[in-house]
Amino acid sequence: FRQAPGKEREFVAALSRSGETTYYSNSVKGRFTISRDDAKN
């Protein structure tokens, strides 16, 4: 999530527990990528 000064906190990206599903806000889709590294936790 992210929050700019004077703004409400907004959603950016999400990853399911399984690691198989992602979801992005329209403002960042195609530019941002969420990922998990299990070895480094």
PDB file of all heavy atoms in Angstrom:
ATOM      1  N   PHE A   1       0.849  -1.176   0.000  1.00  0.00           N
ATOM      2  CA  PHE A   1       0.000   0.000   0.000  1.00  0.00           C
ATOM      3  C   PHE A   1       0.889   1.231   0.000  1.00  0.00           C
ATOM      4  O   PHE A   1       2.082   1.143   0.281  1.00  0.00           O
ATOM      5  CB  PHE A   1      -0.914   0.015   1.235  1.00  0.00           C
ATOM      6  CG  PHE A   1      -1.933  -1.089   1.253  1.00  0.00           C
ATOM      7  CD1 PHE A   1      -1.577  -2.383   1.582  1.00  0.00           C
ATOM      8  CD2 PHE A   1      -3.262  -0.818   0.941  1.00  0.00           C
ATOM      9  CE1 PHE A   1      -2.517  -3.401   1.598  1.00  0.00           C
ATOM     10  CE2 PHE A   1      -4.213  -1.830   0.958  1.00  0.00           C
ATOM     11  CZ  PHE A   1      -3.834  -3.119   1.285  1.00  0.00           C
ATOM     12  N   ARG A   2       0.315   2.374  -0.312  1.00  0.00           N
ATOM     13  CA  ARG A   2       1.088   3.613  -0.270  1.00  0.00           C
ATOM     14  C   ARG A   2       0.213   4.759   0.214  1.00  0.00           C
ATOM     15  O   ARG A   2      -1.007   4.732   0.092  1.00  0.00           O
ATOM     16  CB  ARG A   2       1.681   3.943  -1.642  1.00  0.00           C
ATOM     17  CG  ARG A   2       0.659   4.288  -2.717  1.00  0.00           C
ATOM     18  CD  ARG A   2       1.342   4.434  -4.066  1.00  0.00           C
ATOM     19  NE  ARG A   2       0.413   4.817  -5.120  1.00  0.00           N
ATOM     20  CZ  ARG A   2       0.732   4.909  -6.399  1.00  0.00           C
ATOM     21  NH1 ARG A   2       1.980   4.637  -6.792  1.00  0.00           N
ATOM     22  NH2 ARG A   2      -0.175   5.269  -7.297  1.00  0.00           N
ATOM     23  N   GLN A   3       0.865   5.775   0.761  1.00  0.00           N
ATOM     24  CA  GLN A   3       0.145   6.936   1.256  1.00  0.00           C
ATOM     25  C   GLN A   3       0.953   8.196   0.985  1.00  0.00           C
ATOM     26  O   GLN A   3       2.080   8.339   1.456  1.00  0.00           O
ATOM     27  CB  GLN A   3      -0.140   6.806   2.752  1.00  0.00           C
ATOM     28  CG  GLN A   3      -1.027   7.904   3.307  1.00  0.00           C
ATOM     29  CD  GLN A   3      -1.519   7.591   4.711  1.00  0.00           C
ATOM     30  OE1 GLN A   3      -0.920   6.795   5.429  1.00  0.00           O
ATOM     31  NE2 GLN A   3      -2.622   8.212   5.101  1.00  0.00           N
ATOM     32  N   ALA A   4       0.365   9.110   0.222  1.00  0.00           N
ATOM     33  CA  ALA A   4       0.976  10.395  -0.070  1.00  0.00           C
ATOM     34  C   ALA A   4       0.474  11.413   0.950  1.00  0.00           C
ATOM     35  O   ALA A   4      -0.598  11.238   1.541  1.00  0.00           O
ATOM     36  CB  ALA A   4       0.636  10.842  -1.486  1.00  0.00           C
ATOM     37  N   PRO A   5       1.221  12.495   1.174  1.00  0.00           N
ATOM     38  CA  PRO A   5       0.791  13.521   2.136  1.00  0.00           C
ATOM     39  C   PRO A   5      -0.606  14.042   1.829  1.00  0.00           C
ATOM     40  O   PRO A   5      -0.905  14.407   0.692  1.00  0.00           O
ATOM     41  CB  PRO A   5       1.842  14.619   1.969  1.00  0.00           C
ATOM     42  CG  PRO A   5       3.061  13.891   1.516  1.00  0.00           C
ATOM     43  CD  PRO A   5       2.537  12.825   0.598  1.00  0.00           C
ATOM     44  N   GLY A   6      -1.466  14.060   2.840  1.00  0.00           N
ATOM     45  CA  GLY A   6      -2.814  14.565   2.674  1.00  0.00           C
ATOM     46  C   GLY A   6      -3.761  13.620   1.971  1.00  0.00           C
ATOM     47  O   GLY A   6      -4.917  13.978   1.724  1.00  0.00           O
ATOM     48  N   LYS A   7      -3.294  12.422   1.657  1.00  0.00           N
ATOM     49  CA  LYS A   7      -4.124  11.450   0.947  1.00  0.00           C
ATOM     50  C   LYS A   7      -4.399  10.225   1.807  1.00  0.00           C
ATOM     51  O   LYS A   7      -3.675   9.940   2.757  1.00  0.00           O
ATOM     52  CB  LYS A   7      -3.439  11.005  -0.349  1.00  0.00           C
ATOM     53  CG  LYS A   7      -3.090  12.123  -1.312  1.00  0.00           C
ATOM     54  CD  LYS A   7      -4.331  12.750  -1.910  1.00  0.00           C
ATOM     55  CE  LYS A   7      -3.960  13.787  -2.956  1.00  0.00           C
ATOM     56  NZ  LYS A   7      -5.166  14.404  -3.562  1.00  0.00           N
ATOM     57  N   GLU A   8      -5.456   9.508   1.467  1.00  0.00           N
ATOM     58  CA  GLU A   8      -5.764   8.252   2.133  1.00  0.00           C
ATOM     59  C   GLU A   8      -4.785   7.183   1.670  1.00  0.00           C
ATOM     60  O   GLU A   8      -4.258   7.240   0.560  1.00  0.00           O
ATOM     61  CB  GLU A   8      -7.190   7.813   1.803  1.00  0.00           C
ATOM     62  CG  GLU A   8      -8.274   8.635   2.474  1.00  0.00           C
ATOM     63  CD  GLU A   8      -8.374   8.334   3.948  1.00  0.00           C
ATOM     64  OE1 GLU A   8      -8.519   7.152   4.322  1.00  0.00           O
ATOM     65  OE2 GLU A   8      -8.302   9.284   4.745  1.00  0.00           O
ATOM     66  N   ARG A   9      -4.534   6.220   2.534  1.00  0.00           N
ATOM     67  CA  ARG A   9      -3.698   5.102   2.146  1.00  0.00           C
ATOM     68  C   ARG A   9      -4.418   4.334   1.034  1.00  0.00           C
ATOM     69  O   ARG A   9      -5.617   4.074   1.117  1.00  0.00           O
ATOM     70  CB  ARG A   9      -3.427   4.182   3.341  1.00  0.00           C
ATOM     71  CG  ARG A   9      -2.444   3.066   3.050  1.00  0.00           C
ATOM     72  CD  ARG A   9      -2.040   2.334   4.326  1.00  0.00           C
ATOM     73  NE  ARG A   9      -1.353   3.221   5.255  1.00  0.00           N
ATOM     74  CZ  ARG A   9      -0.791   2.813   6.385  1.00  0.00           C
ATOM     75  NH1 ARG A   9      -0.830   1.528   6.727  1.00  0.00           N
ATOM     76  NH2 ARG A   9      -0.200   3.691   7.177  1.00  0.00           N
ATOM     77  N   GLU A  10      -3.690   3.977  -0.012  1.00  0.00           N
ATOM     78  CA  GLU A  10      -4.296   3.299  -1.137  1.00  0.00           C
ATOM     79  C   GLU A  10      -3.589   1.986  -1.459  1.00  0.00           C
ATOM     80  O   GLU A  10      -2.391   1.827  -1.249  1.00  0.00           O
ATOM     81  CB  GLU A  10      -4.315   4.197  -2.381  1.00  0.00           C
ATOM     82  CG  GLU A  10      -2.938   4.550  -2.922  1.00  0.00           C
ATOM     83  CD  GLU A  10      -3.009   5.320  -4.233  1.00  0.00           C
ATOM     84  OE1 GLU A  10      -4.045   5.234  -4.927  1.00  0.00           O
ATOM     85  OE2 GLU A  10      -2.019   6.010  -4.564  1.00  0.00           O
ATOM     86  N   PHE A  11      -4.354   1.075  -1.997  1.00  0.00           N
ATOM     87  CA  PHE A  11      -3.843  -0.227  -2.385  1.00  0.00           C
ATOM     88  C   PHE A  11      -2.950  -0.119  -3.610  1.00  0.00           C
ATOM     89  O   PHE A  11      -3.218   0.666  -4.522  1.00  0.00           O
ATOM     90  CB  PHE A  11      -5.019  -1.164  -2.676  1.00  0.00           C
ATOM     91  CG  PHE A  11      -4.623  -2.435  -3.363  1.00  0.00           C
ATOM     92  CD1 PHE A  11      -4.030  -3.471  -2.665  1.00  0.00           C
ATOM     93  CD2 PHE A  11      -4.849  -2.601  -4.721  1.00  0.00           C
ATOM     94  CE1 PHE A  11      -3.664  -4.652  -3.296  1.00  0.00           C
ATOM     95  CE2 PHE A  11      -4.500  -3.769  -5.364  1.00  0.00           C
ATOM     96  CZ  PHE A  11      -3.900  -4.799  -4.643  1.00  0.00           C
ATOM     97  N   VAL A  12      -1.891  -0.931  -3.635  1.00  0.00           N
ATOM     98  CA  VAL A  12      -0.968  -0.952  -4.763  1.00  0.00           C
ATOM     99  C   VAL A  12      -0.923  -2.329  -5.418  1.00  0.00           C
ATOM    100  O   VAL A  12      -1.156  -2.464  -6.615  1.00  0.00           O
ATOM    101  CB  VAL A  12       0.458  -0.545  -4.339  1.00  0.00           C
ATOM    102  CG1 VAL A  12       1.426  -0.693  -5.507  1.00  0.00           C
ATOM    103  CG2 VAL A  12       0.469   0.888  -3.820  1.00  0.00           C
ATOM    104  N   ALA A  13      -0.604  -3.359  -4.631  1.00  0.00           N
ATOM    105  CA  ALA A  13      -0.445  -4.700  -5.187  1.00  0.00           C
ATOM    106  C   ALA A  13      -0.682  -5.756  -4.122  1.00  0.00           C
ATOM    107  O   ALA A  13      -0.477  -5.510  -2.933  1.00  0.00           O
ATOM    108  CB  ALA A  13       0.962  -4.875  -5.783  1.00  0.00           C
ATOM    109  N   ALA A  14      -1.106  -6.949  -4.544  1.00  0.00           N
ATOM    110  CA  ALA A  14      -1.356  -8.046  -3.615  1.00  0.00           C
ATOM    111  C   ALA A  14      -0.913  -9.372  -4.206  1.00  0.00           C
ATOM    112  O   ALA A  14      -0.912  -9.562  -5.421  1.00  0.00           O
ATOM    113  CB  ALA A  14      -2.840  -8.112  -3.255  1.00  0.00           C
ATOM    114  N   LEU A  15      -0.541 -10.292  -3.321  1.00  0.00           N
ATOM    115  CA  LEU A  15      -0.115 -11.634  -3.692  1.00  0.00           C
ATOM    116  C   LEU A  15      -0.811 -12.624  -2.776  1.00  0.00           C
ATOM    117  O   LEU A  15      -0.839 -12.446  -1.566  1.00  0.00           O
ATOM    118  CB  LEU A  15       1.405 -11.760  -3.560  1.00  0.00           C
ATOM    119  CG  LEU A  15       2.037 -13.106  -3.920  1.00  0.00           C
ATOM    120  CD1 LEU A  15       1.964 -13.342  -5.425  1.00  0.00           C
ATOM    121  CD2 LEU A  15       3.492 -13.139  -3.457  1.00  0.00           C
ATOM    122  N   SER A  16      -1.371 -13.692  -3.351  1.00  0.00           N
ATOM    123  CA  SER A  16      -2.062 -14.697  -2.560  1.00  0.00           C
ATOM    124  C   SER A  16      -1.083 -15.521  -1.734  1.00  0.00           C
ATOM    125  O   SER A  16       0.120 -15.550  -2.006  1.00  0.00           O
ATOM    126  CB  SER A  16      -2.874 -15.623  -3.465  1.00  0.00           C
ATOM    127  OG  SER A  16      -2.019 -16.367  -4.322  1.00  0.00           O
ATOM    128  N   ARG A  17      -1.615 -16.216  -0.721  1.00  0.00           N
ATOM    129  CA  ARG A  17      -0.773 -17.052   0.129  1.00  0.00           C
ATOM    130  C   ARG A  17      -0.070 -18.138  -0.681  1.00  0.00           C
ATOM    131  O   ARG A  17       1.080 -18.487  -0.397  1.00  0.00           O
ATOM    132  CB  ARG A  17      -1.607 -17.676   1.251  1.00  0.00           C
ATOM    133  CG  ARG A  17      -0.794 -18.480   2.255  1.00  0.00           C
ATOM    134  CD  ARG A  17      -1.593 -18.799   3.498  1.00  0.00           C
ATOM    135  NE  ARG A  17      -2.721 -19.682   3.219  1.00  0.00           N
ATOM    136  CZ  ARG A  17      -3.610 -20.066   4.125  1.00  0.00           C
ATOM    137  NH1 ARG A  17      -3.512 -19.621   5.380  1.00  0.00           N
ATOM    138  NH2 ARG A  17      -4.606 -20.868   3.789  1.00  0.00           N
ATOM    139  N   SER A  18      -0.752 -18.652  -1.684  1.00  0.00           N
ATOM    140  CA  SER A  18      -0.185 -19.687  -2.537  1.00  0.00           C
ATOM    141  C   SER A  18       0.910 -19.145  -3.457  1.00  0.00           C
ATOM    142  O   SER A  18       1.717 -19.904  -3.989  1.00  0.00           O
ATOM    143  CB  SER A  18      -1.272 -20.337  -3.380  1.00  0.00           C
ATOM    144  OG  SER A  18      -1.788 -19.428  -4.330  1.00  0.00           O
ATOM    145  N   GLY A  19       0.916 -17.832  -3.657  1.00  0.00           N
ATOM    146  CA  GLY A  19       1.868 -17.216  -4.562  1.00  0.00           C
ATOM    147  C   GLY A  19       1.456 -17.288  -6.015  1.00  0.00           C
ATOM    148  O   GLY A  19       2.218 -16.877  -6.896  1.00  0.00           O
ATOM    149  N   GLU A  20       0.263 -17.792  -6.272  1.00  0.00           N
ATOM    150  CA  GLU A  20      -0.194 -18.007  -7.641  1.00  0.00           C
ATOM    151  C   GLU A  20      -1.050 -16.878  -8.202  1.00  0.00           C
ATOM    152  O   GLU A  20      -1.248 -16.798  -9.414  1.00  0.00           O
ATOM    153  CB  GLU A  20      -0.987 -19.316  -7.730  1.00  0.00           C
ATOM    154  CG  GLU A  20      -0.174 -20.552  -7.373  1.00  0.00           C
ATOM    155  CD  GLU A  20      -1.000 -21.815  -7.372  1.00  0.00           C
ATOM    156  OE1 GLU A  20      -2.234 -21.719  -7.515  1.00  0.00           O
ATOM    157  OE2 GLU A  20      -0.417 -22.903  -7.222  1.00  0.00           O
ATOM    158  N   THR A  21      -1.546 -16.012  -7.334  1.00  0.00           N
ATOM    159  CA  THR A  21      -2.446 -14.951  -7.776  1.00  0.00           C
ATOM    160  C   THR A  21      -1.923 -13.584  -7.382  1.00  0.00           C
ATOM    161  O   THR A  21      -1.498 -13.385  -6.244  1.00  0.00           O
ATOM    162  CB  THR A  21      -3.850 -15.141  -7.181  1.00  0.00           C
ATOM    163  OG1 THR A  21      -4.346 -16.434  -7.540  1.00  0.00           O
ATOM    164  CG2 THR A  21      -4.806 -14.080  -7.700  1.00  0.00           C
ATOM    165  N   THR A  22      -1.944 -12.651  -8.321  1.00  0.00           N
ATOM    166  CA  THR A  22      -1.561 -11.270  -8.054  1.00  0.00           C
ATOM    167  C   THR A  22      -2.674 -10.337  -8.498  1.00  0.00           C
ATOM    168  O   THR A  22      -3.501 -10.689  -9.336  1.00  0.00           O
ATOM    169  CB  THR A  22      -0.266 -10.879  -8.783  1.00  0.00           C
ATOM    170  OG1 THR A  22      -0.440 -11.049 -10.198  1.00  0.00           O
ATOM    171  CG2 THR A  22       0.900 -11.731  -8.311  1.00  0.00           C
ATOM    172  N   TYR A  23      -2.666  -9.142  -7.928  1.00  0.00           N
ATOM    173  CA  TYR A  23      -3.654  -8.136  -8.278  1.00  0.00           C
ATOM    174  C   TYR A  23      -3.021  -6.772  -8.081  1.00  0.00           C
ATOM    175  O   TYR A  23      -2.348  -6.524  -7.080  1.00  0.00           O
ATOM    176  CB  TYR A  23      -4.905  -8.290  -7.417  1.00  0.00           C
ATOM    177  CG  TYR A  23      -5.977  -7.264  -7.689  1.00  0.00           C
ATOM    178  CD1 TYR A  23      -6.583  -7.184  -8.937  1.00  0.00           C
ATOM    179  CD2 TYR A  23      -6.389  -6.376  -6.697  1.00  0.00           C
ATOM    180  CE1 TYR A  23      -7.567  -6.245  -9.197  1.00  0.00           C
ATOM    181  CE2 TYR A  23      -7.370  -5.435  -6.942  1.00  0.00           C
ATOM    182  CZ  TYR A  23      -7.959  -5.381  -8.199  1.00  0.00           C
ATOM    183  OH  TYR A  23      -8.945  -4.450  -8.450  1.00  0.00           O
ATOM    184  N   TYR A  24      -3.244  -5.861  -9.040  1.00  0.00           N
ATOM    185  CA  TYR A  24      -2.641  -4.540  -8.998  1.00  0.00           C
ATOM    186  C   TYR A  24      -3.689  -3.453  -9.190  1.00  0.00           C
ATOM    187  O   TYR A  24      -4.690  -3.648  -9.883  1.00  0.00           O
ATOM    188  CB  TYR A  24      -1.586  -4.389 -10.091  1.00  0.00           C
ATOM    189  CG  TYR A  24      -0.459  -5.387 -10.006  1.00  0.00           C
ATOM    190  CD1 TYR A  24      -0.540  -6.612 -10.667  1.00  0.00           C
ATOM    191  CD2 TYR A  24       0.686  -5.104  -9.268  1.00  0.00           C
ATOM    192  CE1 TYR A  24       0.490  -7.528 -10.589  1.00  0.00           C
ATOM    193  CE2 TYR A  24       1.724  -6.018  -9.189  1.00  0.00           C
ATOM    194  CZ  TYR A  24       1.622  -7.227  -9.847  1.00  0.00           C
ATOM    195  OH  TYR A  24       2.652  -8.132  -9.768  1.00  0.00           O
ATOM    196  N   SER A  25      -3.432  -2.300  -8.598  1.00  0.00           N
ATOM    197  CA  SER A  25      -4.287  -1.160  -8.857  1.00  0.00           C
ATOM    198  C   SER A  25      -4.078  -0.728 -10.308  1.00  0.00           C
ATOM    199  O   SER A  25      -3.013  -0.963 -10.889  1.00  0.00           O
ATOM    200  CB  SER A  25      -3.963  -0.003  -7.909  1.00  0.00           C
ATOM    201  OG  SER A  25      -2.685   0.533  -8.184  1.00  0.00           O
ATOM    202  N   ASN A  26      -5.087  -0.100 -10.885  1.00  0.00           N
ATOM    203  CA  ASN A  26      -4.986   0.319 -12.276  1.00  0.00           C
ATOM    204  C   ASN A  26      -3.840   1.309 -12.505  1.00  0.00           C
ATOM    205  O   ASN A  26      -3.242   1.328 -13.584  1.00  0.00           O
ATOM    206  CB  ASN A  26      -6.302   0.938 -12.739  1.00  0.00           C
ATOM    207  CG  ASN A  26      -7.415  -0.080 -12.868  1.00  0.00           C
ATOM    208  OD1 ASN A  26      -7.168  -1.256 -13.109  1.00  0.00           O
ATOM    209  ND2 ASN A  26      -8.645   0.377 -12.711  1.00  0.00           N
ATOM    210  N   SER A  27      -3.521   2.099 -11.503  1.00  0.00           N
ATOM    211  CA  SER A  27      -2.500   3.117 -11.654  1.00  0.00           C
ATOM    212  C   SER A  27      -1.086   2.550 -11.769  1.00  0.00           C
ATOM    213  O   SER A  27      -0.191   3.229 -12.272  1.00  0.00           O
ATOM    214  CB  SER A  27      -2.557   4.115 -10.498  1.00  0.00           C
ATOM    215  OG  SER A  27      -2.300   3.479  -9.262  1.00  0.00           O
ATOM    216  N   VAL A  28      -0.871   1.316 -11.305  1.00  0.00           N
ATOM    217  CA  VAL A  28       0.470   0.732 -11.339  1.00  0.00           C
ATOM    218  C   VAL A  28       0.563  -0.517 -12.201  1.00  0.00           C
ATOM    219  O   VAL A  28       1.671  -0.998 -12.473  1.00  0.00           O
ATOM    220  CB  VAL A  28       0.987   0.396  -9.920  1.00  0.00           C
ATOM    221  CG1 VAL A  28       0.872   1.610  -9.015  1.00  0.00           C
ATOM    222  CG2 VAL A  28       0.239  -0.792  -9.337  1.00  0.00           C
ATOM    223  N   LYS A  29      -0.559  -1.046 -12.635  1.00  0.00           N
ATOM    224  CA  LYS A  29      -0.567  -2.269 -13.430  1.00  0.00           C
ATOM    225  C   LYS A  29       0.280  -2.093 -14.681  1.00  0.00           C
ATOM    226  O   LYS A  29       0.155  -1.118 -15.404  1.00  0.00           O
ATOM    227  CB  LYS A  29      -1.995  -2.647 -13.801  1.00  0.00           C
ATOM    228  CG  LYS A  29      -2.126  -4.055 -14.361  1.00  0.00           C
ATOM    229  CD  LYS A  29      -3.587  -4.448 -14.520  1.00  0.00           C
ATOM    230  CE  LYS A  29      -3.726  -5.894 -14.953  1.00  0.00           C
ATOM    231  NZ  LYS A  29      -5.152  -6.297 -15.061  1.00  0.00           N
ATOM    232  N   GLY A  30       1.164  -3.066 -14.917  1.00  0.00           N
ATOM    233  CA  GLY A  30       2.054  -3.005 -16.057  1.00  0.00           C
ATOM    234  C   GLY A  30       3.389  -2.366 -15.744  1.00  0.00           C
ATOM    235  O   GLY A  30       4.331  -2.478 -16.534  1.00  0.00           O
ATOM    236  N   ARG A  31       3.486  -1.693 -14.595  1.00  0.00           N
ATOM    237  CA  ARG A  31       4.722  -1.030 -14.193  1.00  0.00           C
ATOM    238  C   ARG A  31       5.329  -1.654 -12.934  1.00  0.00           C
ATOM    239  O   ARG A  31       6.547  -1.696 -12.798  1.00  0.00           O
ATOM    240  CB  ARG A  31       4.488   0.461 -13.943  1.00  0.00           C
ATOM    241  CG  ARG A  31       3.992   1.223 -15.164  1.00  0.00           C
ATOM    242  CD  ARG A  31       3.959   2.728 -14.890  1.00  0.00           C
ATOM    243  NE  ARG A  31       3.030   3.073 -13.822  1.00  0.00           N
ATOM    244  CZ  ARG A  31       3.373   3.700 -12.698  1.00  0.00           C
ATOM    245  NH1 ARG A  31       4.639   4.061 -12.489  1.00  0.00           N
ATOM    246  NH2 ARG A  31       2.452   3.993 -11.780  1.00  0.00           N
ATOM    247  N   PHE A  32       4.490  -2.105 -12.011  1.00  0.00           N
ATOM    248  CA  PHE A  32       4.946  -2.681 -10.745  1.00  0.00           C
ATOM    249  C   PHE A  32       4.736  -4.187 -10.738  1.00  0.00           C
ATOM    250  O   PHE A  32       3.797  -4.703 -11.356  1.00  0.00           O
ATOM    251  CB  PHE A  32       4.173  -2.090  -9.563  1.00  0.00           C
ATOM    252  CG  PHE A  32       4.446  -0.634  -9.284  1.00  0.00           C
ATOM    253  CD1 PHE A  32       5.201   0.150 -10.150  1.00  0.00           C
ATOM    254  CD2 PHE A  32       3.943  -0.046  -8.134  1.00  0.00           C
ATOM    255  CE1 PHE A  32       5.438   1.484  -9.888  1.00  0.00           C
ATOM    256  CE2 PHE A  32       4.177   1.290  -7.860  1.00  0.00           C
ATOM    257  CZ  PHE A  32       4.920   2.057  -8.737  1.00  0.00           C
ATOM    258  N   THR A  33       5.595  -4.897  -9.997  1.00  0.00           N
ATOM    259  CA  THR A  33       5.478  -6.342  -9.852  1.00  0.00           C
ATOM    260  C   THR A  33       5.722  -6.744  -8.404  1.00  0.00           C
ATOM    261  O   THR A  33       6.749  -6.383  -7.827  1.00  0.00           O
ATOM    262  CB  THR A  33       6.480  -7.084 -10.755  1.00  0.00           C
ATOM    263  OG1 THR A  33       6.280  -6.708 -12.121  1.00  0.00           O
ATOM    264  CG2 THR A  33       6.293  -8.588 -10.627  1.00  0.00           C
ATOM    265  N   ILE A  34       4.791  -7.489  -7.824  1.00  0.00           N
ATOM    266  CA  ILE A  34       4.951  -8.004  -6.475  1.00  0.00           C
ATOM    267  C   ILE A  34       5.435  -9.445  -6.563  1.00  0.00           C
ATOM    268  O   ILE A  34       4.993 -10.212  -7.419  1.00  0.00           O
ATOM    269  CB  ILE A  34       3.626  -7.919  -5.678  1.00  0.00           C
ATOM    270  CG1 ILE A  34       3.847  -8.341  -4.221  1.00  0.00           C
ATOM    271  CG2 ILE A  34       2.533  -8.745  -6.330  1.00  0.00           C
ATOM    272  CD1 ILE A  34       2.632  -8.099  -3.330  1.00  0.00           C
ATOM    273  N   SER A  35       6.364  -9.822  -5.688  1.00  0.00           N
ATOM    274  CA  SER A  35       6.902 -11.175  -5.693  1.00  0.00           C
ATOM    275  C   SER A  35       7.354 -11.583  -4.299  1.00  0.00           C
ATOM    276  O   SER A  35       7.517 -10.744  -3.420  1.00  0.00           O
ATOM    277  CB  SER A  35       8.062 -11.298  -6.680  1.00  0.00           C
ATOM    278  OG  SER A  35       9.136 -10.449  -6.307  1.00  0.00           O
ATOM    279  N   ARG A  36       7.565 -12.879  -4.110  1.00  0.00           N
ATOM    280  CA  ARG A  36       8.003 -13.418  -2.828  1.00  0.00           C
ATOM    281  C   ARG A  36       9.207 -14.316  -3.018  1.00  0.00           C
ATOM    282  O   ARG A  36       9.237 -15.144  -3.934  1.00  0.00           O
ATOM    283  CB  ARG A  36       6.845 -14.200  -2.181  1.00  0.00           C
ATOM    284  CG  ARG A  36       7.085 -14.635  -0.749  1.00  0.00           C
ATOM    285  CD  ARG A  36       5.874 -15.382  -0.227  1.00  0.00           C
ATOM    286  NE  ARG A  36       5.764 -16.708  -0.805  1.00  0.00           N
ATOM    287  CZ  ARG A  36       4.616 -17.359  -0.989  1.00  0.00           C
ATOM    288  NH1 ARG A  36       3.467 -16.784  -0.653  1.00  0.00           N
ATOM    289  NH2 ARG A  36       4.622 -18.577  -1.514  1.00  0.00           N
ATOM    290  N   ASP A  37      10.196 -14.163  -2.152  1.00  0.00           N
ATOM    291  CA  ASP A  37      11.395 -14.995  -2.156  1.00  0.00           C
ATOM    292  C   ASP A  37      11.368 -15.824  -0.876  1.00  0.00           C
ATOM    293  O   ASP A  37      11.683 -15.318   0.202  1.00  0.00           O
ATOM    294  CB  ASP A  37      12.653 -14.134  -2.218  1.00  0.00           C
ATOM    295  CG  ASP A  37      13.921 -14.945  -2.385  1.00  0.00           C
ATOM    296  OD1 ASP A  37      13.969 -16.102  -1.920  1.00  0.00           O
ATOM    297  OD2 ASP A  37      14.881 -14.425  -2.989  1.00  0.00           O
ATOM    298  N   ASP A  38      10.978 -17.094  -0.984  1.00  0.00           N
ATOM    299  CA  ASP A  38      10.835 -17.935   0.198  1.00  0.00           C
ATOM    300  C   ASP A  38      12.167 -18.206   0.904  1.00  0.00           C
ATOM    301  O   ASP A  38      12.210 -18.334   2.125  1.00  0.00           O
ATOM    302  CB  ASP A  38      10.173 -19.262  -0.179  1.00  0.00           C
ATOM    303  CG  ASP A  38       8.728 -19.099  -0.582  1.00  0.00           C
ATOM    304  OD1 ASP A  38       8.084 -18.124  -0.140  1.00  0.00           O
ATOM    305  OD2 ASP A  38       8.219 -19.954  -1.339  1.00  0.00           O
ATOM    306  N   ALA A  39      13.253 -18.306   0.139  1.00  0.00           N
ATOM    307  CA  ALA A  39      14.562 -18.567   0.731  1.00  0.00           C
ATOM    308  C   ALA A  39      14.998 -17.426   1.646  1.00  0.00           C
ATOM    309  O   ALA A  39      15.598 -17.652   2.699  1.00  0.00           O
ATOM    310  CB  ALA A  39      15.602 -18.795  -0.362  1.00  0.00           C
ATOM    311  N   LYS A  40      14.719 -16.202   1.239  1.00  0.00           N
ATOM    312  CA  LYS A  40      15.080 -15.027   2.029  1.00  0.00           C
ATOM    313  C   LYS A  40      13.952 -14.570   2.943  1.00  0.00           C
ATOM    314  O   LYS A  40      14.141 -13.665   3.759  1.00  0.00           O
ATOM    315  CB  LYS A  40      15.490 -13.882   1.108  1.00  0.00           C
ATOM    316  CG  LYS A  40      16.711 -14.166   0.258  1.00  0.00           C
ATOM    317  CD  LYS A  40      17.045 -12.984  -0.637  1.00  0.00           C
ATOM    318  CE  LYS A  40      18.269 -13.254  -1.479  1.00  0.00           C
ATOM    319  NZ  LYS A  40      18.593 -12.107  -2.374  1.00  0.00           N
ATOM    320  N   ASN A  41      12.790 -15.175   2.788  1.00  0.00           N
ATOM    321  CA  ASN A  41      11.600 -14.798   3.547  1.00  0.00           C
ATOM    322  C   ASN A  41      11.313 -13.300   3.396  1.00  0.00           C
ATOM    323  O   ASN A  41      11.133 -12.576   4.379  1.00  0.00           O
ATOM    324  CB  ASN A  41      11.739 -15.163   5.027  1.00  0.00           C
ATOM    325  CG  ASN A  41      10.399 -15.205   5.741  1.00  0.00           C
ATOM    326  OD1 ASN A  41       9.374 -15.528   5.151  1.00  0.00           O
ATOM    327  ND2 ASN A  41      10.402 -14.877   7.036  1.00  0.00           N
TER     328      ASN A  41
END
